Amino acid sequence: GYKDLQLSVLYQRYRTSAIIAFDEVLQTPSA
């Protein structure tokens, strides 16, 4: 930032997994 001029960036990686699909248990987790 320089006085009123500002430049900012945000990077996000959110890695998830689940053992449930739409309504039932999975054999292996889904990423």
Full PDB file with SEQRES, HELIX, SHEET, SSBOND, CRYST1, ORIGX, SCALE, CONECT and MASTER records, all heavy atoms in Angstrom:
SEQRES   1 A   31  GLY TYR LYS ASP LEU GLN LEU SER VAL LEU TYR GLN ARG          
SEQRES   2 A   31  TYR ARG THR SER ALA ILE ILE ALA PHE ASP GLU VAL LEU          
SEQRES   3 A   31  GLN THR PRO SER ALA                                          
SHEET    1 AA1 2 ALA A  18  ILE A  20  0                                        
SHEET    2 AA1 2 VAL A  25  SER A  30 -1                                        
CRYST1    1.000    1.000    1.000  90.00  90.00  90.00 P 1           1          
ORIGX1      1.000000  0.000000  0.000000        0.00000                         
ORIGX2      0.000000  1.000000  0.000000        0.00000                         
ORIGX3      0.000000  0.000000  1.000000        0.00000                         
SCALE1      1.000000  0.000000  0.000000        0.00000                         
SCALE2      0.000000  1.000000  0.000000        0.00000                         
SCALE3      0.000000  0.000000  1.000000        0.00000                         
ATOM      1  N   GLY A   1       0.825  -1.194   0.000  1.00  0.00           N  
ATOM      2  CA  GLY A   1       0.000   0.000   0.000  1.00  0.00           C  
ATOM      3  C   GLY A   1       0.858   1.243   0.000  1.00  0.00           C  
ATOM      4  O   GLY A   1       1.884   1.308   0.692  1.00  0.00           O  
ATOM      5  N   TYR A   2       0.457   2.201  -0.817  1.00  0.00           N  
ATOM      6  CA  TYR A   2       1.119   3.502  -0.797  1.00  0.00           C  
ATOM      7  C   TYR A   2       0.039   4.565  -0.717  1.00  0.00           C  
ATOM      8  O   TYR A   2      -0.703   4.784  -1.674  1.00  0.00           O  
ATOM      9  CB  TYR A   2       1.988   3.718  -2.032  1.00  0.00           C  
ATOM     10  CG  TYR A   2       2.667   5.069  -2.031  1.00  0.00           C  
ATOM     11  CD1 TYR A   2       3.670   5.363  -1.100  1.00  0.00           C  
ATOM     12  CD2 TYR A   2       2.299   6.056  -2.930  1.00  0.00           C  
ATOM     13  CE1 TYR A   2       4.286   6.601  -1.070  1.00  0.00           C  
ATOM     14  CE2 TYR A   2       2.911   7.297  -2.917  1.00  0.00           C  
ATOM     15  CZ  TYR A   2       3.902   7.563  -1.982  1.00  0.00           C  
ATOM     16  OH  TYR A   2       4.499   8.798  -1.953  1.00  0.00           O  
ATOM     17  N   LYS A   3      -0.092   5.137   0.470  1.00  0.00           N  
ATOM     18  CA  LYS A   3      -1.158   6.093   0.758  1.00  0.00           C  
ATOM     19  C   LYS A   3      -2.509   5.435   0.475  1.00  0.00           C  
ATOM     20  O   LYS A   3      -2.844   4.436   1.087  1.00  0.00           O  
ATOM     21  CB  LYS A   3      -0.931   7.383  -0.011  1.00  0.00           C  
ATOM     22  CG  LYS A   3       0.364   8.105   0.399  1.00  0.00           C  
ATOM     23  CD  LYS A   3       0.551   9.421  -0.310  1.00  0.00           C  
ATOM     24  CE  LYS A   3       1.844  10.095   0.164  1.00  0.00           C  
ATOM     25  NZ  LYS A   3       2.087  11.393  -0.516  1.00  0.00           N  
ATOM     26  N   ASP A   4      -3.271   5.957  -0.491  1.00  0.00           N  
ATOM     27  CA  ASP A   4      -4.599   5.401  -0.747  1.00  0.00           C  
ATOM     28  C   ASP A   4      -4.608   4.288  -1.789  1.00  0.00           C  
ATOM     29  O   ASP A   4      -5.647   3.672  -2.024  1.00  0.00           O  
ATOM     30  CB  ASP A   4      -5.550   6.510  -1.206  1.00  0.00           C  
ATOM     31  CG  ASP A   4      -5.830   7.516  -0.102  1.00  0.00           C  
ATOM     32  OD1 ASP A   4      -5.866   7.099   1.065  1.00  0.00           O  
ATOM     33  OD2 ASP A   4      -6.003   8.705  -0.410  1.00  0.00           O  
ATOM     34  N   LEU A   5      -3.486   4.050  -2.421  1.00  0.00           N  
ATOM     35  CA  LEU A   5      -3.399   3.009  -3.443  1.00  0.00           C  
ATOM     36  C   LEU A   5      -2.970   1.696  -2.794  1.00  0.00           C  
ATOM     37  O   LEU A   5      -1.933   1.637  -2.129  1.00  0.00           O  
ATOM     38  CB  LEU A   5      -2.395   3.415  -4.519  1.00  0.00           C  
ATOM     39  CG  LEU A   5      -2.191   2.423  -5.669  1.00  0.00           C  
ATOM     40  CD1 LEU A   5      -3.474   2.254  -6.476  1.00  0.00           C  
ATOM     41  CD2 LEU A   5      -1.040   2.882  -6.563  1.00  0.00           C  
ATOM     42  N   GLN A   6      -3.781   0.645  -2.970  1.00  0.00           N  
ATOM     43  CA  GLN A   6      -3.481  -0.631  -2.328  1.00  0.00           C  
ATOM     44  C   GLN A   6      -3.679  -1.779  -3.315  1.00  0.00           C  
ATOM     45  O   GLN A   6      -4.645  -1.802  -4.078  1.00  0.00           O  
ATOM     46  CB  GLN A   6      -4.376  -0.853  -1.104  1.00  0.00           C  
ATOM     47  CG  GLN A   6      -4.119   0.118   0.027  1.00  0.00           C  
ATOM     48  CD  GLN A   6      -4.810  -0.303   1.306  1.00  0.00           C  
ATOM     49  OE1 GLN A   6      -5.312  -1.425   1.419  1.00  0.00           O  
ATOM     50  NE2 GLN A   6      -4.843   0.584   2.281  1.00  0.00           N  
ATOM     51  N   LEU A   7      -2.742  -2.716  -3.264  1.00  0.00           N  
ATOM     52  CA  LEU A   7      -2.825  -3.951  -4.042  1.00  0.00           C  
ATOM     53  C   LEU A   7      -2.651  -5.117  -3.077  1.00  0.00           C  
ATOM     54  O   LEU A   7      -1.692  -5.156  -2.298  1.00  0.00           O  
ATOM     55  CB  LEU A   7      -1.732  -4.004  -5.116  1.00  0.00           C  
ATOM     56  CG  LEU A   7      -1.593  -5.337  -5.874  1.00  0.00           C  
ATOM     57  CD1 LEU A   7      -2.842  -5.617  -6.702  1.00  0.00           C  
ATOM     58  CD2 LEU A   7      -0.349  -5.327  -6.755  1.00  0.00           C  
ATOM     59  N   SER A   8      -3.579  -6.079  -3.107  1.00  0.00           N  
ATOM     60  CA  SER A   8      -3.483  -7.236  -2.215  1.00  0.00           C  
ATOM     61  C   SER A   8      -3.914  -8.484  -2.967  1.00  0.00           C  
ATOM     62  O   SER A   8      -4.749  -8.431  -3.881  1.00  0.00           O  
ATOM     63  CB  SER A   8      -4.354  -7.055  -0.966  1.00  0.00           C  
ATOM     64  OG  SER A   8      -5.721  -6.919  -1.320  1.00  0.00           O  
ATOM     65  N   VAL A   9      -3.333  -9.617  -2.583  1.00  0.00           N  
ATOM     66  CA  VAL A   9      -3.669 -10.907  -3.183  1.00  0.00           C  
ATOM     67  C   VAL A   9      -3.884 -11.933  -2.083  1.00  0.00           C  
ATOM     68  O   VAL A   9      -3.319 -11.824  -0.986  1.00  0.00           O  
ATOM     69  CB  VAL A   9      -2.571 -11.399  -4.160  1.00  0.00           C  
ATOM     70  CG1 VAL A   9      -2.412 -10.431  -5.317  1.00  0.00           C  
ATOM     71  CG2 VAL A   9      -1.248 -11.587  -3.430  1.00  0.00           C  
ATOM     72  N   LEU A  10      -4.717 -12.916  -2.373  1.00  0.00           N  
ATOM     73  CA  LEU A  10      -4.986 -14.016  -1.447  1.00  0.00           C  
ATOM     74  C   LEU A  10      -5.073 -15.300  -2.271  1.00  0.00           C  
ATOM     75  O   LEU A  10      -5.839 -15.385  -3.231  1.00  0.00           O  
ATOM     76  CB  LEU A  10      -6.291 -13.780  -0.684  1.00  0.00           C  
ATOM     77  CG  LEU A  10      -6.669 -14.788   0.407  1.00  0.00           C  
ATOM     78  CD1 LEU A  10      -7.575 -14.115   1.433  1.00  0.00           C  
ATOM     79  CD2 LEU A  10      -7.388 -16.015  -0.148  1.00  0.00           C  
ATOM     80  N   TYR A  11      -4.272 -16.283  -1.884  1.00  0.00           N  
ATOM     81  CA  TYR A  11      -4.323 -17.608  -2.505  1.00  0.00           C  
ATOM     82  C   TYR A  11      -4.736 -18.610  -1.443  1.00  0.00           C  
ATOM     83  O   TYR A  11      -4.212 -18.603  -0.313  1.00  0.00           O  
ATOM     84  CB  TYR A  11      -2.964 -17.995  -3.081  1.00  0.00           C  
ATOM     85  CG  TYR A  11      -2.876 -19.466  -3.460  1.00  0.00           C  
ATOM     86  CD1 TYR A  11      -3.397 -19.934  -4.661  1.00  0.00           C  
ATOM     87  CD2 TYR A  11      -2.287 -20.390  -2.592  1.00  0.00           C  
ATOM     88  CE1 TYR A  11      -3.335 -21.278  -5.001  1.00  0.00           C  
ATOM     89  CE2 TYR A  11      -2.217 -21.737  -2.916  1.00  0.00           C  
ATOM     90  CZ  TYR A  11      -2.746 -22.176  -4.122  1.00  0.00           C  
ATOM     91  OH  TYR A  11      -2.684 -23.511  -4.445  1.00  0.00           O  
ATOM     92  N   GLN A  12      -5.681 -19.471  -1.795  1.00  0.00           N  
ATOM     93  CA  GLN A  12      -6.121 -20.492  -0.852  1.00  0.00           C  
ATOM     94  C   GLN A  12      -6.297 -21.824  -1.571  1.00  0.00           C  
ATOM     95  O   GLN A  12      -6.881 -21.884  -2.663  1.00  0.00           O  
ATOM     96  CB  GLN A  12      -7.441 -20.100  -0.183  1.00  0.00           C  
ATOM     97  CG  GLN A  12      -7.876 -21.087   0.909  1.00  0.00           C  
ATOM     98  CD  GLN A  12      -9.182 -20.698   1.550  1.00  0.00           C  
ATOM     99  OE1 GLN A  12     -10.135 -20.363   0.862  1.00  0.00           O  
ATOM    100  NE2 GLN A  12      -9.241 -20.725   2.869  1.00  0.00           N  
ATOM    101  N   ARG A  13      -5.769 -22.870  -0.944  1.00  0.00           N  
ATOM    102  CA  ARG A  13      -6.051 -24.237  -1.384  1.00  0.00           C  
ATOM    103  C   ARG A  13      -6.558 -25.019  -0.184  1.00  0.00           C  
ATOM    104  O   ARG A  13      -5.870 -25.144   0.830  1.00  0.00           O  
ATOM    105  CB  ARG A  13      -4.809 -24.907  -1.967  1.00  0.00           C  
ATOM    106  CG  ARG A  13      -5.126 -26.298  -2.537  1.00  0.00           C  
ATOM    107  CD  ARG A  13      -3.948 -26.935  -3.240  1.00  0.00           C  
ATOM    108  NE  ARG A  13      -4.326 -28.208  -3.841  1.00  0.00           N  
ATOM    109  CZ  ARG A  13      -3.485 -28.994  -4.496  1.00  0.00           C  
ATOM    110  NH1 ARG A  13      -2.221 -28.632  -4.648  1.00  0.00           N  
ATOM    111  NH2 ARG A  13      -3.903 -30.142  -5.006  1.00  0.00           N  
ATOM    112  N   TYR A  14      -7.759 -25.509  -0.313  1.00  0.00           N  
ATOM    113  CA  TYR A  14      -8.451 -26.200   0.768  1.00  0.00           C  
ATOM    114  C   TYR A  14      -8.706 -27.624   0.297  1.00  0.00           C  
ATOM    115  O   TYR A  14      -9.582 -27.878  -0.528  1.00  0.00           O  
ATOM    116  CB  TYR A  14      -9.748 -25.454   1.068  1.00  0.00           C  
ATOM    117  CG  TYR A  14     -10.546 -25.925   2.256  1.00  0.00           C  
ATOM    118  CD1 TYR A  14      -9.983 -26.011   3.521  1.00  0.00           C  
ATOM    119  CD2 TYR A  14     -11.899 -26.236   2.106  1.00  0.00           C  
ATOM    120  CE1 TYR A  14     -10.746 -26.407   4.609  1.00  0.00           C  
ATOM    121  CE2 TYR A  14     -12.670 -26.636   3.187  1.00  0.00           C  
ATOM    122  CZ  TYR A  14     -12.082 -26.718   4.438  1.00  0.00           C  
ATOM    123  OH  TYR A  14     -12.838 -27.114   5.523  1.00  0.00           O  
ATOM    124  N   ARG A  15      -7.892 -28.556   0.805  1.00  0.00           N  
ATOM    125  CA  ARG A  15      -7.968 -29.946   0.362  1.00  0.00           C  
ATOM    126  C   ARG A  15      -8.801 -30.739   1.362  1.00  0.00           C  
ATOM    127  O   ARG A  15      -8.494 -30.780   2.561  1.00  0.00           O  
ATOM    128  CB  ARG A  15      -6.565 -30.534   0.239  1.00  0.00           C  
ATOM    129  CG  ARG A  15      -5.626 -29.724  -0.646  1.00  0.00           C  
ATOM    130  CD  ARG A  15      -4.279 -30.389  -0.816  1.00  0.00           C  
ATOM    131  NE  ARG A  15      -4.402 -31.647  -1.546  1.00  0.00           N  
ATOM    132  CZ  ARG A  15      -3.376 -32.473  -1.775  1.00  0.00           C  
ATOM    133  NH1 ARG A  15      -2.163 -32.170  -1.310  1.00  0.00           N  
ATOM    134  NH2 ARG A  15      -3.559 -33.587  -2.451  1.00  0.00           N  
ATOM    135  N   THR A  16      -9.855 -31.372   0.876  1.00  0.00           N  
ATOM    136  CA  THR A  16     -10.758 -32.111   1.746  1.00  0.00           C  
ATOM    137  C   THR A  16     -10.954 -33.529   1.225  1.00  0.00           C  
ATOM    138  O   THR A  16     -10.706 -33.825   0.058  1.00  0.00           O  
ATOM    139  CB  THR A  16     -12.139 -31.424   1.831  1.00  0.00           C  
ATOM    140  OG1 THR A  16     -12.852 -31.620   0.606  1.00  0.00           O  
ATOM    141  CG2 THR A  16     -11.994 -29.941   2.084  1.00  0.00           C  
ATOM    142  N   SER A  17     -11.419 -34.382   2.104  1.00  0.00           N  
ATOM    143  CA  SER A  17     -11.831 -35.729   1.700  1.00  0.00           C  
ATOM    144  C   SER A  17     -13.016 -36.142   2.558  1.00  0.00           C  
ATOM    145  O   SER A  17     -13.228 -35.609   3.653  1.00  0.00           O  
ATOM    146  CB  SER A  17     -10.681 -36.737   1.856  1.00  0.00           C  
ATOM    147  OG  SER A  17     -10.316 -36.889   3.213  1.00  0.00           O  
ATOM    148  N   ALA A  18     -13.792 -37.068   2.053  1.00  0.00           N  
ATOM    149  CA  ALA A  18     -14.992 -37.520   2.754  1.00  0.00           C  
ATOM    150  C   ALA A  18     -15.177 -39.008   2.537  1.00  0.00           C  
ATOM    151  O   ALA A  18     -14.822 -39.546   1.488  1.00  0.00           O  
ATOM    152  CB  ALA A  18     -16.216 -36.755   2.264  1.00  0.00           C  
ATOM    153  N   ILE A  19     -15.733 -39.657   3.542  1.00  0.00           N  
ATOM    154  CA  ILE A  19     -16.023 -41.080   3.460  1.00  0.00           C  
ATOM    155  C   ILE A  19     -17.502 -41.293   3.140  1.00  0.00           C  
ATOM    156  O   ILE A  19     -18.003 -42.413   3.137  1.00  0.00           O  
ATOM    157  CB  ILE A  19     -15.633 -41.789   4.780  1.00  0.00           C  
ATOM    158  CG1 ILE A  19     -15.521 -43.298   4.575  1.00  0.00           C  
ATOM    159  CG2 ILE A  19     -16.598 -41.419   5.898  1.00  0.00           C  
ATOM    160  CD1 ILE A  19     -14.415 -43.712   3.623  1.00  0.00           C  
ATOM    161  N   ILE A  20     -18.210 -40.183   2.850  1.00  0.00           N  
ATOM    162  CA  ILE A  20     -19.626 -40.220   2.510  1.00  0.00           C  
ATOM    163  C   ILE A  20     -19.793 -39.592   1.136  1.00  0.00           C  
ATOM    164  O   ILE A  20     -19.170 -38.573   0.824  1.00  0.00           O  
ATOM    165  CB  ILE A  20     -20.482 -39.435   3.522  1.00  0.00           C  
ATOM    166  CG1 ILE A  20     -20.098 -39.813   4.967  1.00  0.00           C  
ATOM    167  CG2 ILE A  20     -21.961 -39.670   3.264  1.00  0.00           C  
ATOM    168  CD1 ILE A  20     -19.267 -38.786   5.663  1.00  0.00           C  
ATOM    169  N   ALA A  21     -20.642 -40.177   0.307  1.00  0.00           N  
ATOM    170  CA  ALA A  21     -20.922 -39.587  -1.004  1.00  0.00           C  
ATOM    171  C   ALA A  21     -22.170 -38.723  -0.887  1.00  0.00           C  
ATOM    172  O   ALA A  21     -22.212 -37.781  -0.109  1.00  0.00           O  
ATOM    173  CB  ALA A  21     -21.103 -40.685  -2.041  1.00  0.00           C  
ATOM    174  N   PHE A  22     -23.191 -39.037  -1.656  1.00  0.00           N  
ATOM    175  CA  PHE A  22     -24.434 -38.282  -1.591  1.00  0.00           C  
ATOM    176  C   PHE A  22     -25.345 -38.800  -0.481  1.00  0.00           C  
ATOM    177  O   PHE A  22     -26.076 -38.031   0.120  1.00  0.00           O  
ATOM    178  CB  PHE A  22     -25.156 -38.341  -2.941  1.00  0.00           C  
ATOM    179  CG  PHE A  22     -24.433 -37.596  -4.023  1.00  0.00           C  
ATOM    180  CD1 PHE A  22     -23.495 -38.234  -4.821  1.00  0.00           C  
ATOM    181  CD2 PHE A  22     -24.663 -36.255  -4.228  1.00  0.00           C  
ATOM    182  CE1 PHE A  22     -22.823 -37.553  -5.818  1.00  0.00           C  
ATOM    183  CE2 PHE A  22     -23.989 -35.558  -5.214  1.00  0.00           C  
ATOM    184  CZ  PHE A  22     -23.056 -36.207  -6.013  1.00  0.00           C  
ATOM    185  N   ASP A  23     -25.293 -40.111  -0.216  1.00  0.00           N  
ATOM    186  CA  ASP A  23     -26.184 -40.647   0.807  1.00  0.00           C  
ATOM    187  C   ASP A  23     -25.664 -41.914   1.475  1.00  0.00           C  
ATOM    188  O   ASP A  23     -26.320 -42.440   2.368  1.00  0.00           O  
ATOM    189  CB  ASP A  23     -27.575 -40.928   0.218  1.00  0.00           C  
ATOM    190  CG  ASP A  23     -27.525 -41.887  -0.976  1.00  0.00           C  
ATOM    191  OD1 ASP A  23     -26.410 -42.302  -1.346  1.00  0.00           O  
ATOM    192  OD2 ASP A  23     -28.599 -42.203  -1.528  1.00  0.00           O  
ATOM    193  N   GLU A  24     -24.484 -42.413   1.066  1.00  0.00           N  
ATOM    194  CA  GLU A  24     -24.031 -43.665   1.651  1.00  0.00           C  
ATOM    195  C   GLU A  24     -22.517 -43.699   1.807  1.00  0.00           C  
ATOM    196  O   GLU A  24     -21.788 -42.916   1.198  1.00  0.00           O  
ATOM    197  CB  GLU A  24     -24.486 -44.845   0.789  1.00  0.00           C  
ATOM    198  CG  GLU A  24     -23.932 -44.847  -0.623  1.00  0.00           C  
ATOM    199  CD  GLU A  24     -24.441 -46.022  -1.446  1.00  0.00           C  
ATOM    200  OE1 GLU A  24     -24.668 -47.096  -0.852  1.00  0.00           O  
ATOM    201  OE2 GLU A  24     -24.616 -45.865  -2.657  1.00  0.00           O  
ATOM    202  N   VAL A  25     -22.062 -44.623   2.630  1.00  0.00           N  
ATOM    203  CA  VAL A  25     -20.641 -44.798   2.920  1.00  0.00           C  
ATOM    204  C   VAL A  25     -19.899 -45.263   1.674  1.00  0.00           C  
ATOM    205  O   VAL A  25     -20.401 -46.069   0.889  1.00  0.00           O  
ATOM    206  CB  VAL A  25     -20.462 -45.823   4.067  1.00  0.00           C  
ATOM    207  CG1 VAL A  25     -19.012 -46.256   4.197  1.00  0.00           C  
ATOM    208  CG2 VAL A  25     -20.963 -45.232   5.378  1.00  0.00           C  
ATOM    209  N   LEU A  26     -18.674 -44.733   1.517  1.00  0.00           N  
ATOM    210  CA  LEU A  26     -17.822 -45.113   0.393  1.00  0.00           C  
ATOM    211  C   LEU A  26     -16.807 -46.168   0.822  1.00  0.00           C  
ATOM    212  O   LEU A  26     -16.467 -46.272   2.011  1.00  0.00           O  
ATOM    213  CB  LEU A  26     -17.074 -43.888  -0.139  1.00  0.00           C  
ATOM    214  CG  LEU A  26     -17.934 -42.743  -0.697  1.00  0.00           C  
ATOM    215  CD1 LEU A  26     -17.059 -41.532  -0.985  1.00  0.00           C  
ATOM    216  CD2 LEU A  26     -18.672 -43.190  -1.947  1.00  0.00           C  
ATOM    217  N   GLN A  27     -16.297 -46.901  -0.127  1.00  0.00           N  
ATOM    218  CA  GLN A  27     -15.246 -47.875   0.165  1.00  0.00           C  
ATOM    219  C   GLN A  27     -13.932 -47.174   0.504  1.00  0.00           C  
ATOM    220  O   GLN A  27     -13.201 -47.598   1.401  1.00  0.00           O  
ATOM    221  CB  GLN A  27     -15.050 -48.805  -1.047  1.00  0.00           C  
ATOM    222  CG  GLN A  27     -16.239 -49.698  -1.343  1.00  0.00           C  
ATOM    223  CD  GLN A  27     -16.491 -50.705  -0.228  1.00  0.00           C  
ATOM    224  OE1 GLN A  27     -15.549 -51.230   0.384  1.00  0.00           O  
ATOM    225  NE2 GLN A  27     -17.758 -50.978   0.045  1.00  0.00           N  
ATOM    226  N   THR A  28     -13.631 -46.118  -0.221  1.00  0.00           N  
ATOM    227  CA  THR A  28     -12.435 -45.312   0.036  1.00  0.00           C  
ATOM    228  C   THR A  28     -12.837 -43.842   0.016  1.00  0.00           C  
ATOM    229  O   THR A  28     -13.815 -43.455  -0.634  1.00  0.00           O  
ATOM    230  CB  THR A  28     -11.350 -45.556  -1.031  1.00  0.00           C  
ATOM    231  OG1 THR A  28     -11.880 -45.242  -2.333  1.00  0.00           O  
ATOM    232  CG2 THR A  28     -10.880 -46.998  -1.000  1.00  0.00           C  
ATOM    233  N   PRO A  29     -12.094 -42.973   0.714  1.00  0.00           N  
ATOM    234  CA  PRO A  29     -12.466 -41.552   0.769  1.00  0.00           C  
ATOM    235  C   PRO A  29     -12.441 -40.899  -0.610  1.00  0.00           C  
ATOM    236  O   PRO A  29     -11.639 -41.246  -1.478  1.00  0.00           O  
ATOM    237  CB  PRO A  29     -11.406 -40.943   1.690  1.00  0.00           C  
ATOM    238  CG  PRO A  29     -10.861 -42.088   2.474  1.00  0.00           C  
ATOM    239  CD  PRO A  29     -10.929 -43.275   1.570  1.00  0.00           C  
ATOM    240  N   SER A  30     -13.336 -39.958  -0.794  1.00  0.00           N  
ATOM    241  CA  SER A  30     -13.405 -39.162  -2.009  1.00  0.00           C  
ATOM    242  C   SER A  30     -12.802 -37.791  -1.741  1.00  0.00           C  
ATOM    243  O   SER A  30     -13.111 -37.154  -0.726  1.00  0.00           O  
ATOM    244  CB  SER A  30     -14.859 -39.013  -2.465  1.00  0.00           C  
ATOM    245  OG  SER A  30     -14.982 -38.078  -3.504  1.00  0.00           O  
ATOM    246  N   ALA A  31     -11.928 -37.326  -2.653  1.00  0.00           N  
ATOM    247  CA  ALA A  31     -11.225 -36.059  -2.460  1.00  0.00           C  
ATOM    248  C   ALA A  31     -11.931 -34.931  -3.203  1.00  0.00           C  
ATOM    249  O   ALA A  31     -12.452 -35.124  -4.305  1.00  0.00           O  
ATOM    250  CB  ALA A  31      -9.788 -36.169  -2.951  1.00  0.00           C  
TER     251      ALA A  31                                                      
MASTER        0    0    0    0    2    0    0    6  250    1    0    3          
END                                                                             
